[in-house]
C-alpha atoms as a PDB file:
ATOM      1  CA  UNK A   1      15.452 -30.746  -2.303  1.00  0.00           C
ATOM      2  CA  UNK A   2      18.552 -28.945  -3.594  1.00  0.00           C
ATOM      3  CA  UNK A   3      20.071 -25.947  -1.862  1.00  0.00           C
ATOM      4  CA  UNK A   4      18.854 -23.667  -4.670  1.00  0.00           C
ATOM      5  CA  UNK A   5      15.295 -24.992  -4.439  1.00  0.00           C
ATOM      6  CA  UNK A   6      15.388 -24.545  -0.662  1.00  0.00           C
ATOM      7  CA  UNK A   7      16.425 -20.910  -1.017  1.00  0.00           C
ATOM      8  CA  UNK A   8      13.691 -20.255  -3.589  1.00  0.00           C
ATOM      9  CA  UNK A   9      11.035 -21.803  -1.325  1.00  0.00           C
ATOM     10  CA  UNK A  10      12.121 -19.828   1.746  1.00  0.00           C
ATOM     11  CA  UNK A  11      10.105 -16.762   2.665  1.00  0.00           C
ATOM     12  CA  UNK A  12      12.961 -14.327   2.088  1.00  0.00           C
ATOM     13  CA  UNK A  13      13.894 -16.094  -1.130  1.00  0.00           C
ATOM     14  CA  UNK A  14      10.325 -15.748  -2.422  1.00  0.00           C
ATOM     15  CA  UNK A  15      10.217 -12.047  -1.551  1.00  0.00           C
ATOM     16  CA  UNK A  16      13.515 -11.348  -3.315  1.00  0.00           C
ATOM     17  CA  UNK A  17      12.476 -13.549  -6.227  1.00  0.00           C
ATOM     18  CA  UNK A  18       9.371 -11.431  -6.808  1.00  0.00           C
ATOM     19  CA  UNK A  19      11.696  -8.511  -7.482  1.00  0.00           C
ATOM     20  CA  UNK A  20      14.391 -10.276  -9.501  1.00  0.00           C
ATOM     21  CA  UNK A  21      12.486 -12.974 -11.415  1.00  0.00           C
ATOM     22  CA  UNK A  22       8.785 -12.348 -10.742  1.00  0.00           C
ATOM     23  CA  UNK A  23       7.129 -14.747 -13.177  1.00  0.00           C
ATOM     24  CA  UNK A  24       9.081 -17.833 -12.153  1.00  0.00           C
ATOM     25  CA  UNK A  25       8.854 -16.901  -8.469  1.00  0.00           C
ATOM     26  CA  UNK A  26       5.099 -16.345  -8.574  1.00  0.00           C
ATOM     27  CA  UNK A  27       4.650 -19.644 -10.404  1.00  0.00           C
ATOM     28  CA  UNK A  28       6.631 -21.377  -7.673  1.00  0.00           C
ATOM     29  CA  UNK A  29       4.581 -19.666  -4.961  1.00  0.00           C
ATOM     30  CA  UNK A  30       1.356 -20.702  -6.686  1.00  0.00           C
ATOM     31  CA  UNK A  31       2.444 -24.352  -6.588  1.00  0.00           C
ATOM     32  CA  UNK A  32       2.344 -24.239  -2.794  1.00  0.00           C
ATOM     33  CA  UNK A  33       0.660 -20.977  -1.741  1.00  0.00           C
ATOM     34  CA  UNK A  34       0.927 -20.054   1.941  1.00  0.00           C
ATOM     35  CA  UNK A  35      -1.467 -17.246   2.810  1.00  0.00           C
ATOM     36  CA  UNK A  36       0.134 -16.729   6.222  1.00  0.00           C
ATOM     37  CA  UNK A  37       3.432 -15.704   4.620  1.00  0.00           C
ATOM     38  CA  UNK A  38       1.687 -13.174   2.384  1.00  0.00           C
ATOM     39  CA  UNK A  39      -0.177 -11.763   5.382  1.00  0.00           C
ATOM     40  CA  UNK A  40       3.104 -11.410   7.289  1.00  0.00           C
ATOM     41  CA  UNK A  41       4.608  -9.520   4.342  1.00  0.00           C
ATOM     42  CA  UNK A  42       1.623  -7.162   4.245  1.00  0.00           C
ATOM     43  CA  UNK A  43       1.891  -6.701   8.011  1.00  0.00           C
ATOM     44  CA  UNK A  44       5.561  -5.726   7.695  1.00  0.00           C
ATOM     45  CA  UNK A  45       4.711  -3.245   4.947  1.00  0.00           C
ATOM     46  CA  UNK A  46       1.874  -1.817   7.045  1.00  0.00           C
ATOM     47  CA  UNK A  47       4.050  -1.412  10.141  1.00  0.00           C
ATOM     48  CA  UNK A  48       6.815   0.353   8.217  1.00  0.00           C
ATOM     49  CA  UNK A  49       4.277   2.603   6.465  1.00  0.00           C
ATOM     50  CA  UNK A  50       2.588   3.438   9.776  1.00  0.00           C
ATOM     51  CA  UNK A  51       5.922   4.176  11.434  1.00  0.00           C
ATOM     52  CA  UNK A  52       6.853   6.597   8.657  1.00  0.00           C
ATOM     53  CA  UNK A  53       3.459   8.332   8.900  1.00  0.00           C
ATOM     54  CA  UNK A  54       3.895   8.585  12.679  1.00  0.00           C
ATOM     55  CA  UNK A  55       7.242  10.321  12.205  1.00  0.00           C
ATOM     56  CA  UNK A  56       5.954  12.684   9.513  1.00  0.00           C
ATOM     57  CA  UNK A  57       2.922  13.691  11.575  1.00  0.00           C
ATOM     58  CA  UNK A  58       5.141  14.195  14.624  1.00  0.00           C
ATOM     59  CA  UNK A  59       7.114  16.803  12.678  1.00  0.00           C
ATOM     60  CA  UNK A  60       4.024  18.726  11.591  1.00  0.00           C
ATOM     61  CA  UNK A  61       4.605  22.378  12.589  1.00  0.00           C
ATOM     62  CA  UNK A  62       2.488  23.294  15.621  1.00  0.00           C
ATOM     63  CA  UNK A  63       1.585  26.585  13.949  1.00  0.00           C
ATOM     64  CA  UNK A  64      -0.609  24.618  11.543  1.00  0.00           C
ATOM     65  CA  UNK A  65      -2.571  22.914  14.321  1.00  0.00           C
ATOM     66  CA  UNK A  66      -5.371  25.182  15.541  1.00  0.00           C
ATOM     67  CA  UNK A  67      -5.439  25.655  19.312  1.00  0.00           C
ATOM     68  CA  UNK A  68      -9.041  26.900  19.279  1.00  0.00           C
ATOM     69  CA  UNK A  69     -11.995  25.232  17.567  1.00  0.00           C
ATOM     70  CA  UNK A  70     -11.155  21.913  19.228  1.00  0.00           C
ATOM     71  CA  UNK A  71     -13.456  22.199  22.254  1.00  0.00           C
ATOM     72  CA  UNK A  72     -12.724  21.135  25.793  1.00  0.00           C
ATOM     73  CA  UNK A  73     -12.347  17.772  27.488  1.00  0.00           C
ATOM     74  CA  UNK A  74     -13.341  17.863  31.131  1.00  0.00           C
ATOM     75  CA  UNK A  75     -12.973  21.630  31.208  1.00  0.00           C
ATOM     76  CA  UNK A  76      -9.311  21.522  30.234  1.00  0.00           C
ATOM     77  CA  UNK A  77      -8.277  23.154  26.982  1.00  0.00           C
ATOM     78  CA  UNK A  78      -6.699  20.944  24.341  1.00  0.00           C
ATOM     79  CA  UNK A  79      -3.261  22.188  23.306  1.00  0.00           C
ATOM     80  CA  UNK A  80      -1.800  21.901  19.799  1.00  0.00           C
ATOM     81  CA  UNK A  81       0.768  19.437  21.144  1.00  0.00           C
ATOM     82  CA  UNK A  82      -2.016  17.161  22.415  1.00  0.00           C
ATOM     83  CA  UNK A  83      -3.764  17.411  19.073  1.00  0.00           C
ATOM     84  CA  UNK A  84      -0.534  16.504  17.323  1.00  0.00           C
ATOM     85  CA  UNK A  85      -0.108  13.440  19.547  1.00  0.00           C
ATOM     86  CA  UNK A  86      -3.667  12.368  18.740  1.00  0.00           C
ATOM     87  CA  UNK A  87      -3.023  12.997  15.036  1.00  0.00           C
ATOM     88  CA  UNK A  88       0.075  10.799  15.173  1.00  0.00           C
ATOM     89  CA  UNK A  89      -1.968   7.924  16.593  1.00  0.00           C
ATOM     90  CA  UNK A  90      -4.732   8.450  14.032  1.00  0.00           C
ATOM     91  CA  UNK A  91      -2.182   8.495  11.180  1.00  0.00           C
ATOM     92  CA  UNK A  92      -0.809   5.147  12.368  1.00  0.00           C
ATOM     93  CA  UNK A  93      -4.258   3.546  12.480  1.00  0.00           C
ATOM     94  CA  UNK A  94      -5.221   4.948   9.085  1.00  0.00           C
ATOM     95  CA  UNK A  95      -2.019   3.686   7.494  1.00  0.00           C
ATOM     96  CA  UNK A  96      -2.388   0.211   9.020  1.00  0.00           C
ATOM     97  CA  UNK A  97      -5.992  -0.099   7.877  1.00  0.00           C
ATOM     98  CA  UNK A  98      -5.094   1.470   4.535  1.00  0.00           C
ATOM     99  CA  UNK A  99      -2.426  -1.099   3.661  1.00  0.00           C
ATOM    100  CA  UNK A 100      -4.533  -4.088   4.717  1.00  0.00           C
ATOM    101  CA  UNK A 101      -7.657  -2.599   3.152  1.00  0.00           C
ATOM    102  CA  UNK A 102      -5.914  -2.020  -0.169  1.00  0.00           C
ATOM    103  CA  UNK A 103      -4.642  -5.619  -0.160  1.00  0.00           C
ATOM    104  CA  UNK A 104      -8.072  -7.101   0.549  1.00  0.00           C
ATOM    105  CA  UNK A 105     -10.145  -4.781  -1.639  1.00  0.00           C
ATOM    106  CA  UNK A 106      -7.848  -4.941  -4.677  1.00  0.00           C
ATOM    107  CA  UNK A 107      -7.701  -8.739  -4.417  1.00  0.00           C
ATOM    108  CA  UNK A 108     -11.498  -8.963  -4.160  1.00  0.00           C
ATOM    109  CA  UNK A 109     -12.108  -6.699  -7.155  1.00  0.00           C
ATOM    110  CA  UNK A 110      -9.538  -8.526  -9.276  1.00  0.00           C
ATOM    111  CA  UNK A 111     -11.033 -11.883  -8.278  1.00  0.00           C
ATOM    112  CA  UNK A 112     -14.547 -10.829  -9.263  1.00  0.00           C
ATOM    113  CA  UNK A 113     -13.468  -9.283 -12.579  1.00  0.00           C
ATOM    114  CA  UNK A 114     -11.242 -12.249 -13.453  1.00  0.00           C
ATOM    115  CA  UNK A 115     -13.894 -14.847 -12.651  1.00  0.00           C
ATOM    116  CA  UNK A 116     -16.360 -12.990 -14.858  1.00  0.00           C
ATOM    117  CA  UNK A 117     -13.878 -13.478 -17.695  1.00  0.00           C
ATOM    118  CA  UNK A 118     -13.774 -17.222 -17.146  1.00  0.00           C
ATOM    119  CA  UNK A 119     -10.795 -17.355 -14.785  1.00  0.00           C
ATOM    120  CA  UNK A 120     -10.668 -20.353 -12.449  1.00  0.00           C
ATOM    121  CA  UNK A 121      -8.265 -19.195  -9.741  1.00  0.00           C
ATOM    122  CA  UNK A 122      -9.259 -19.130  -6.082  1.00  0.00           C
ATOM    123  CA  UNK A 123      -9.599 -16.012  -3.939  1.00  0.00           C
ATOM    124  CA  UNK A 124      -7.234 -17.465  -1.322  1.00  0.00           C
ATOM    125  CA  UNK A 125      -4.508 -17.910  -3.938  1.00  0.00           C
ATOM    126  CA  UNK A 126      -5.202 -14.401  -5.206  1.00  0.00           C
ATOM    127  CA  UNK A 127      -4.695 -12.991  -1.712  1.00  0.00           C
ATOM    128  CA  UNK A 128      -1.449 -14.905  -1.371  1.00  0.00           C
ATOM    129  CA  UNK A 129      -0.044 -13.772  -4.700  1.00  0.00           C
ATOM    130  CA  UNK A 130      -1.288 -10.209  -4.169  1.00  0.00           C
ATOM    131  CA  UNK A 131       0.704 -10.077  -0.944  1.00  0.00           C
ATOM    132  CA  UNK A 132       3.882 -10.962  -2.805  1.00  0.00           C
ATOM    133  CA  UNK A 133       2.985  -8.596  -5.649  1.00  0.00           C
ATOM    134  CA  UNK A 134       3.077  -5.808  -3.063  1.00  0.00           C
ATOM    135  CA  UNK A 135       6.798  -6.387  -2.454  1.00  0.00           C
ATOM    136  CA  UNK A 136       7.878  -3.187  -4.299  1.00  0.00           C
ATOM    137  CA  UNK A 137       5.832  -1.208  -1.771  1.00  0.00           C
ATOM    138  CA  UNK A 138       8.119  -2.583   0.938  1.00  0.00           C
ATOM    139  CA  UNK A 139      11.002  -0.725  -0.703  1.00  0.00           C
ATOM    140  CA  UNK A 140       8.881   2.413  -1.097  1.00  0.00           C
ATOM    141  CA  UNK A 141       7.882   2.542   2.555  1.00  0.00           C
ATOM    142  CA  UNK A 142      11.393   1.716   3.734  1.00  0.00           C
ATOM    143  CA  UNK A 143      12.606   4.771   1.818  1.00  0.00           C
ATOM    144  CA  UNK A 144       9.779   6.824   3.335  1.00  0.00           C
ATOM    145  CA  UNK A 145      10.745   5.625   6.795  1.00  0.00           C
ATOM    146  CA  UNK A 146      14.369   6.663   6.267  1.00  0.00           C
ATOM    147  CA  UNK A 147      13.228  10.041   4.950  1.00  0.00           C
ATOM    148  CA  UNK A 148      10.864  10.511   7.908  1.00  0.00           C
ATOM    149  CA  UNK A 149      13.831  10.385  10.283  1.00  0.00           C
ATOM    150  CA  UNK A 150      15.825  12.886   8.235  1.00  0.00           C
ATOM    151  CA  UNK A 151      13.162  15.385   7.138  1.00  0.00           C
ATOM    152  CA  UNK A 152      12.753  18.650   9.032  1.00  0.00           C
ATOM    153  CA  UNK A 153       9.557  20.489  10.008  1.00  0.00           C
ATOM    154  CA  UNK A 154      10.148  22.779   7.045  1.00  0.00           C
ATOM    155  CA  UNK A 155      10.390  19.758   4.772  1.00  0.00           C
ATOM    156  CA  UNK A 156       7.078  18.401   6.059  1.00  0.00           C
ATOM    157  CA  UNK A 157       5.521  21.813   5.500  1.00  0.00           C
ATOM    158  CA  UNK A 158       6.727  21.826   1.903  1.00  0.00           C
ATOM    159  CA  UNK A 159       5.177  18.399   1.393  1.00  0.00           C
ATOM    160  CA  UNK A 160       1.856  19.761   2.666  1.00  0.00           C
ATOM    161  CA  UNK A 161       2.059  22.715   0.296  1.00  0.00           C
ATOM    162  CA  UNK A 162       2.843  20.487  -2.691  1.00  0.00           C
ATOM    163  CA  UNK A 163      -0.135  18.271  -1.823  1.00  0.00           C
ATOM    164  CA  UNK A 164      -2.480  21.277  -2.125  1.00  0.00           C
ATOM    165  CA  UNK A 165      -2.248  21.699  -5.891  1.00  0.00           C
ATOM    166  CA  UNK A 166      -5.803  22.933  -6.436  1.00  0.00           C
ATOM    167  CA  UNK A 167      -8.138  25.208  -4.521  1.00  0.00           C
ATOM    168  CA  UNK A 168     -10.881  22.588  -4.526  1.00  0.00           C
ATOM    169  CA  UNK A 169     -10.492  19.832  -1.879  1.00  0.00           C
ATOM    170  CA  UNK A 170     -12.049  17.229  -4.181  1.00  0.00           C
ATOM    171  CA  UNK A 171      -9.561  17.967  -6.964  1.00  0.00           C
ATOM    172  CA  UNK A 172      -6.700  17.784  -4.483  1.00  0.00           C
ATOM    173  CA  UNK A 173      -7.934  14.427  -3.242  1.00  0.00           C
ATOM    174  CA  UNK A 174      -8.160  13.053  -6.793  1.00  0.00           C
ATOM    175  CA  UNK A 175      -4.706  14.406  -7.696  1.00  0.00           C
ATOM    176  CA  UNK A 176      -3.092  12.971  -4.568  1.00  0.00           C
ATOM    177  CA  UNK A 177      -4.799   9.607  -5.113  1.00  0.00           C
ATOM    178  CA  UNK A 178      -3.507   9.548  -8.700  1.00  0.00           C
ATOM    179  CA  UNK A 179       0.037  10.414  -7.575  1.00  0.00           C
ATOM    180  CA  UNK A 180      -0.066   7.663  -4.954  1.00  0.00           C
ATOM    181  CA  UNK A 181      -1.480   5.128  -7.411  1.00  0.00           C
ATOM    182  CA  UNK A 182       0.997   5.858 -10.181  1.00  0.00           C
ATOM    183  CA  UNK A 183       4.247   6.162  -8.237  1.00  0.00           C
ATOM    184  CA  UNK A 184       7.247   4.199  -9.539  1.00  0.00           C
ATOM    185  CA  UNK A 185       6.927   1.489  -6.901  1.00  0.00           C
ATOM    186  CA  UNK A 186       3.156   1.285  -7.320  1.00  0.00           C
ATOM    187  CA  UNK A 187       3.550   0.847 -11.072  1.00  0.00           C
ATOM    188  CA  UNK A 188       6.111  -1.868 -10.366  1.00  0.00           C
ATOM    189  CA  UNK A 189       3.584  -3.581  -8.110  1.00  0.00           C
ATOM    190  CA  UNK A 190       0.865  -3.186 -10.749  1.00  0.00           C
ATOM    191  CA  UNK A 191       3.084  -5.005 -13.276  1.00  0.00           C
ATOM    192  CA  UNK A 192       3.416  -7.867 -10.791  1.00  0.00           C
ATOM    193  CA  UNK A 193      -0.366  -7.948 -10.425  1.00  0.00           C
ATOM    194  CA  UNK A 194      -0.677  -8.463 -14.185  1.00  0.00           C
ATOM    195  CA  UNK A 195       1.545 -11.542 -13.874  1.00  0.00           C
ATOM    196  CA  UNK A 196      -0.465 -12.707 -10.848  1.00  0.00           C
ATOM    197  CA  UNK A 197      -3.727 -12.587 -12.804  1.00  0.00           C
ATOM    198  CA  UNK A 198      -2.215 -14.443 -15.744  1.00  0.00           C
ATOM    199  CA  UNK A 199      -0.872 -17.187 -13.509  1.00  0.00           C
ATOM    200  CA  UNK A 200      -3.757 -17.519 -11.060  1.00  0.00           C
ATOM    201  CA  UNK A 201      -6.696 -17.202 -13.434  1.00  0.00           C
ATOM    202  CA  UNK A 202      -5.162 -18.335 -16.721  1.00  0.00           C
ATOM    203  CA  UNK A 203      -6.386 -15.360 -18.734  1.00  0.00           C
ATOM    204  CA  UNK A 204      -4.424 -13.493 -21.393  1.00  0.00           C
ATOM    205  CA  UNK A 205      -1.945 -10.716 -20.666  1.00  0.00           C
ATOM    206  CA  UNK A 206      -4.134  -8.164 -22.457  1.00  0.00           C
ATOM    207  CA  UNK A 207      -7.162  -9.040 -20.324  1.00  0.00           C
ATOM    208  CA  UNK A 208      -5.007  -9.043 -17.213  1.00  0.00           C
ATOM    209  CA  UNK A 209      -3.799  -5.504 -17.974  1.00  0.00           C
ATOM    210  CA  UNK A 210      -7.383  -4.325 -18.492  1.00  0.00           C
ATOM    211  CA  UNK A 211      -8.456  -6.015 -15.241  1.00  0.00           C
ATOM    212  CA  UNK A 212      -5.661  -4.383 -13.232  1.00  0.00           C
ATOM    213  CA  UNK A 213      -6.336  -0.974 -14.811  1.00  0.00           C
ATOM    214  CA  UNK A 214     -10.046  -1.227 -14.021  1.00  0.00           C
ATOM    215  CA  UNK A 215      -9.280  -2.337 -10.463  1.00  0.00           C
ATOM    216  CA  UNK A 216      -7.028   0.602  -9.670  1.00  0.00           C
ATOM    217  CA  UNK A 217      -9.389   3.091 -11.273  1.00  0.00           C
ATOM    218  CA  UNK A 218     -12.134   1.762  -8.997  1.00  0.00           C
ATOM    219  CA  UNK A 219      -9.831   1.925  -5.962  1.00  0.00           C
ATOM    220  CA  UNK A 220      -8.699   5.457  -6.814  1.00  0.00           C
ATOM    221  CA  UNK A 221     -12.274   6.772  -6.901  1.00  0.00           C
ATOM    222  CA  UNK A 222     -13.683   4.468  -4.197  1.00  0.00           C
ATOM    223  CA  UNK A 223     -13.262   7.030  -1.359  1.00  0.00           C
ATOM    224  CA  UNK A 224     -15.410   9.535  -3.233  1.00  0.00           C
END
């Protein structure tokens, strides 16, 4: 094996390759797919995303955490600071489950839709390639992590205000889901998923685009 081939087959080389030359890199990964590597990549993304959420929640202004209406635990009142600490832990768990859940659910939906179109790829290979197709999200969450260290309480408050675009909670949820789904890095990842479907299931680019679009529409409305 040449030095170049060794670099391309290394874990870091595969991750970088998915960003610089995605089609050739994904083809190479598909020749010898290692699900464990993809799972590690998703785990790294999940940890960074959870860390950023932990920092953001920790900077949530106490004035926006109600001291009353939270009940008592053992007769002792629950302070806003205690609620914030609990919220930080909950945000970490939600982000961890969210990243892994999105990876598994999107892969499952794509697998089902692609097989119905005559695709012959395996679900295990789909999971592996989907992990690598999520590489742009690593950059996104790294930027969020950096911002979470720098942002002030006022900045977090402004983010909360921006998130409440409509008066109706349902409309806000749909709008926020759409913004999250169609961010620059998410769109980048979606483009990689199109390549993944073409390579893993052997279906046309047009059908792959339709499959990815249908998958993310389902995911966007799944919580409702």
